Protein backbone atom coordinates (compact mmCIF):
# COMPACT_ATOMS: atom_id res chain seq x y z
CA UNK A 1 71.78 47.47 83.62
CA UNK A 2 72.09 49.10 87.08
CA UNK A 3 75.80 49.57 86.51
CA UNK A 4 75.17 51.40 83.25
CA UNK A 5 72.58 53.68 84.94
CA UNK A 6 75.01 54.46 87.75
CA UNK A 7 77.73 55.41 85.27
CA UNK A 8 75.29 57.49 83.22
CA UNK A 9 74.05 59.23 86.38
CA UNK A 10 77.65 59.93 87.45
CA UNK A 11 78.49 61.39 84.01
CA UNK A 12 75.41 63.63 84.05
CA UNK A 13 76.07 64.87 87.59
CA UNK A 14 79.69 65.56 86.69
CA UNK A 15 78.70 67.50 83.56
CA UNK A 16 76.12 69.59 85.45
CA UNK A 17 78.63 70.33 88.21
CA UNK A 18 81.23 71.45 85.67
CA UNK A 19 78.68 73.67 83.92
CA UNK A 20 77.73 75.41 87.17
CA UNK A 21 81.35 75.93 88.17
CA UNK A 22 82.01 77.49 84.74
CA UNK A 23 79.01 79.81 85.07
CA UNK A 24 80.06 80.76 88.58
CA UNK A 25 83.60 81.56 87.40
CA UNK A 26 82.16 83.99 84.83
CA UNK A 27 80.22 86.12 87.33
CA UNK A 28 80.52 89.92 87.08
CA UNK A 29 83.13 90.06 89.85
CA UNK A 30 85.37 87.78 87.78
CA UNK A 31 84.76 89.88 84.65
CA UNK A 32 85.48 93.20 86.35
CA UNK A 33 87.26 95.72 84.13
CA UNK A 34 90.74 96.59 85.48
CA UNK A 35 90.99 99.73 87.62
CA UNK A 36 91.76 103.22 86.29
CA UNK A 37 94.81 104.87 87.85
CA UNK A 38 95.51 108.60 88.04
CA UNK A 39 99.21 109.48 88.26
CA UNK A 40 100.20 113.05 89.22
CA UNK A 41 103.64 113.94 87.84
CA UNK A 42 104.06 116.75 90.40
CA UNK A 43 103.63 114.33 93.29
CA UNK A 44 105.34 111.48 91.45
CA UNK A 45 102.76 108.89 92.48
CA UNK A 46 99.37 107.38 91.79
CA UNK A 47 96.90 109.67 93.56
CA UNK A 48 93.71 107.75 92.87
CA UNK A 49 92.39 104.39 91.74
CA UNK A 50 88.92 104.42 90.24
CA UNK A 51 86.60 101.59 89.27
CA UNK A 52 86.36 101.31 85.49
CA UNK A 53 82.94 100.97 83.86
CA UNK A 54 81.19 100.57 80.54
CA UNK A 55 80.29 104.27 80.62
CA UNK A 56 83.95 105.24 80.97
CA UNK A 57 84.91 102.77 78.23
CA UNK A 58 82.37 104.49 75.94
CA UNK A 59 83.83 107.90 76.79
CA UNK A 60 87.28 106.63 75.77
CA UNK A 61 85.82 105.28 72.50
CA UNK A 62 84.42 108.75 71.82
CA UNK A 63 87.82 110.25 72.57
CA UNK A 64 89.51 107.83 70.15
CA UNK A 65 87.09 109.00 67.47
CA UNK A 66 88.54 112.51 67.79
CA UNK A 67 92.16 111.71 66.94
CA UNK A 68 93.90 114.56 65.11
CA UNK A 69 97.34 113.15 64.30
CA UNK A 70 100.32 111.26 65.63
CA UNK A 71 102.19 113.48 68.01
CA UNK A 72 105.78 114.17 67.00
CA UNK A 73 106.67 114.63 70.65
CA UNK A 74 105.38 115.20 74.14
CA UNK A 75 107.22 115.80 77.35
CA UNK A 76 106.03 112.78 79.30
CA UNK A 77 108.29 113.67 82.22
CA UNK A 78 106.96 117.21 82.62
CA UNK A 79 105.64 118.32 85.99
CA UNK A 80 102.08 119.54 86.46
CA UNK A 81 100.47 116.75 84.44
CA UNK A 82 97.96 114.04 85.13
CA UNK A 83 98.40 110.69 83.44
CA UNK A 84 95.20 108.69 83.57
CA UNK A 85 95.66 105.01 82.73
CA UNK A 86 92.48 103.43 81.35
CA UNK A 87 92.64 99.68 80.59
CA UNK A 88 90.22 98.72 77.81
CA UNK A 89 88.18 95.53 78.17
CA UNK A 90 87.71 94.30 75.56
CA UNK A 91 90.32 95.96 73.35
CA UNK A 92 88.94 98.67 71.07
CA UNK A 93 89.56 98.67 67.33
CA UNK A 94 90.79 102.09 66.17
CA UNK A 95 91.17 103.13 62.55
CA UNK A 96 91.94 106.74 61.66
CA UNK A 97 93.19 107.27 58.11
CA UNK A 98 96.91 106.46 58.04
CA UNK A 99 97.41 107.69 61.60
CA UNK A 100 96.60 104.50 63.46
CA UNK A 101 94.93 101.16 62.86
CA UNK A 102 94.56 98.25 65.26
CA UNK A 103 93.19 97.01 68.53
CA UNK A 104 94.08 99.15 71.56
CA UNK A 105 94.18 97.55 74.99
CA UNK A 106 95.10 100.59 77.08
CA UNK A 107 94.96 104.38 76.88
CA UNK A 108 96.88 106.85 78.98
CA UNK A 109 95.24 110.26 78.84
CA UNK A 110 97.89 112.96 79.40
CA UNK A 111 96.49 116.21 80.74
CA UNK A 112 98.43 119.38 81.43
CA UNK A 113 96.80 120.58 84.66
CA UNK A 114 97.29 124.24 83.73
CA UNK A 115 96.40 123.79 80.04
CA UNK A 116 93.27 123.51 77.96
CA UNK A 117 90.75 120.73 78.50
CA UNK A 118 89.92 120.67 74.79
CA UNK A 119 93.24 119.22 73.62
CA UNK A 120 95.34 116.41 75.03
CA UNK A 121 97.78 113.68 74.20
CA UNK A 122 96.84 110.04 74.33
CA UNK A 123 99.39 107.31 74.74
CA UNK A 124 97.82 104.20 73.24
CA UNK A 125 99.00 100.64 73.69
CA UNK A 126 98.03 97.97 71.21
CA UNK A 127 97.58 94.31 72.07
CA UNK A 128 101.32 93.72 71.56
CA UNK A 129 101.94 96.49 74.15
CA UNK A 130 103.48 98.84 71.55
CA UNK A 131 102.98 102.53 72.38
CA UNK A 132 101.61 105.15 69.98
CA UNK A 133 101.46 108.82 70.99
CA UNK A 134 98.64 110.81 69.39
CA UNK A 135 96.95 114.18 69.73
CA UNK A 136 93.25 114.34 70.37
CA UNK A 137 90.67 117.13 70.22
CA UNK A 138 88.11 116.22 72.86
CA UNK A 139 86.45 118.01 75.77
CA UNK A 140 88.14 116.33 78.71
CA UNK A 141 85.78 117.88 81.27
CA UNK A 142 83.20 115.22 80.40
CA UNK A 143 85.78 112.42 80.79
CA UNK A 144 87.05 113.81 84.10
CA UNK A 145 83.46 114.07 85.34
CA UNK A 146 82.75 110.44 84.39
CA UNK A 147 85.76 109.20 86.35
CA UNK A 148 84.84 111.47 89.26
CA UNK A 149 87.98 113.59 89.16
CA UNK A 150 87.28 117.25 89.89
CA UNK A 151 90.46 118.45 91.64
CA UNK A 152 92.28 120.02 88.76
């Protein structure tokens, strides 16, 4: 009987230990949303890395709700642009008429630094990493404020 109790005790201790290690592995630091990167085409480099947050994710969701159409073209190599890469965790489901449908895992907000803040291009990536370029009507000043970028 003592042998059975020892085995049972060992099994219980092992299970509890595994449960705590699983809970510890899922702490907020392990679930951190990937960093936002701001790329300046004039400088040709990433000029800032910003901590992503639920508030920023919500701002991107709002932006995706303001899709106008697929963009026939955009000069992605043009100078004087900011390209702000926002990873989405979890992926966001987007459905806009026949323009786009599916889960998006990443958005790159393309801003002409000398242009209007009410219209921009978004380069979306679905879960299969396929790009879709769209036009969006959204006040980017709010988004830029949320990510803490004020040097336009």
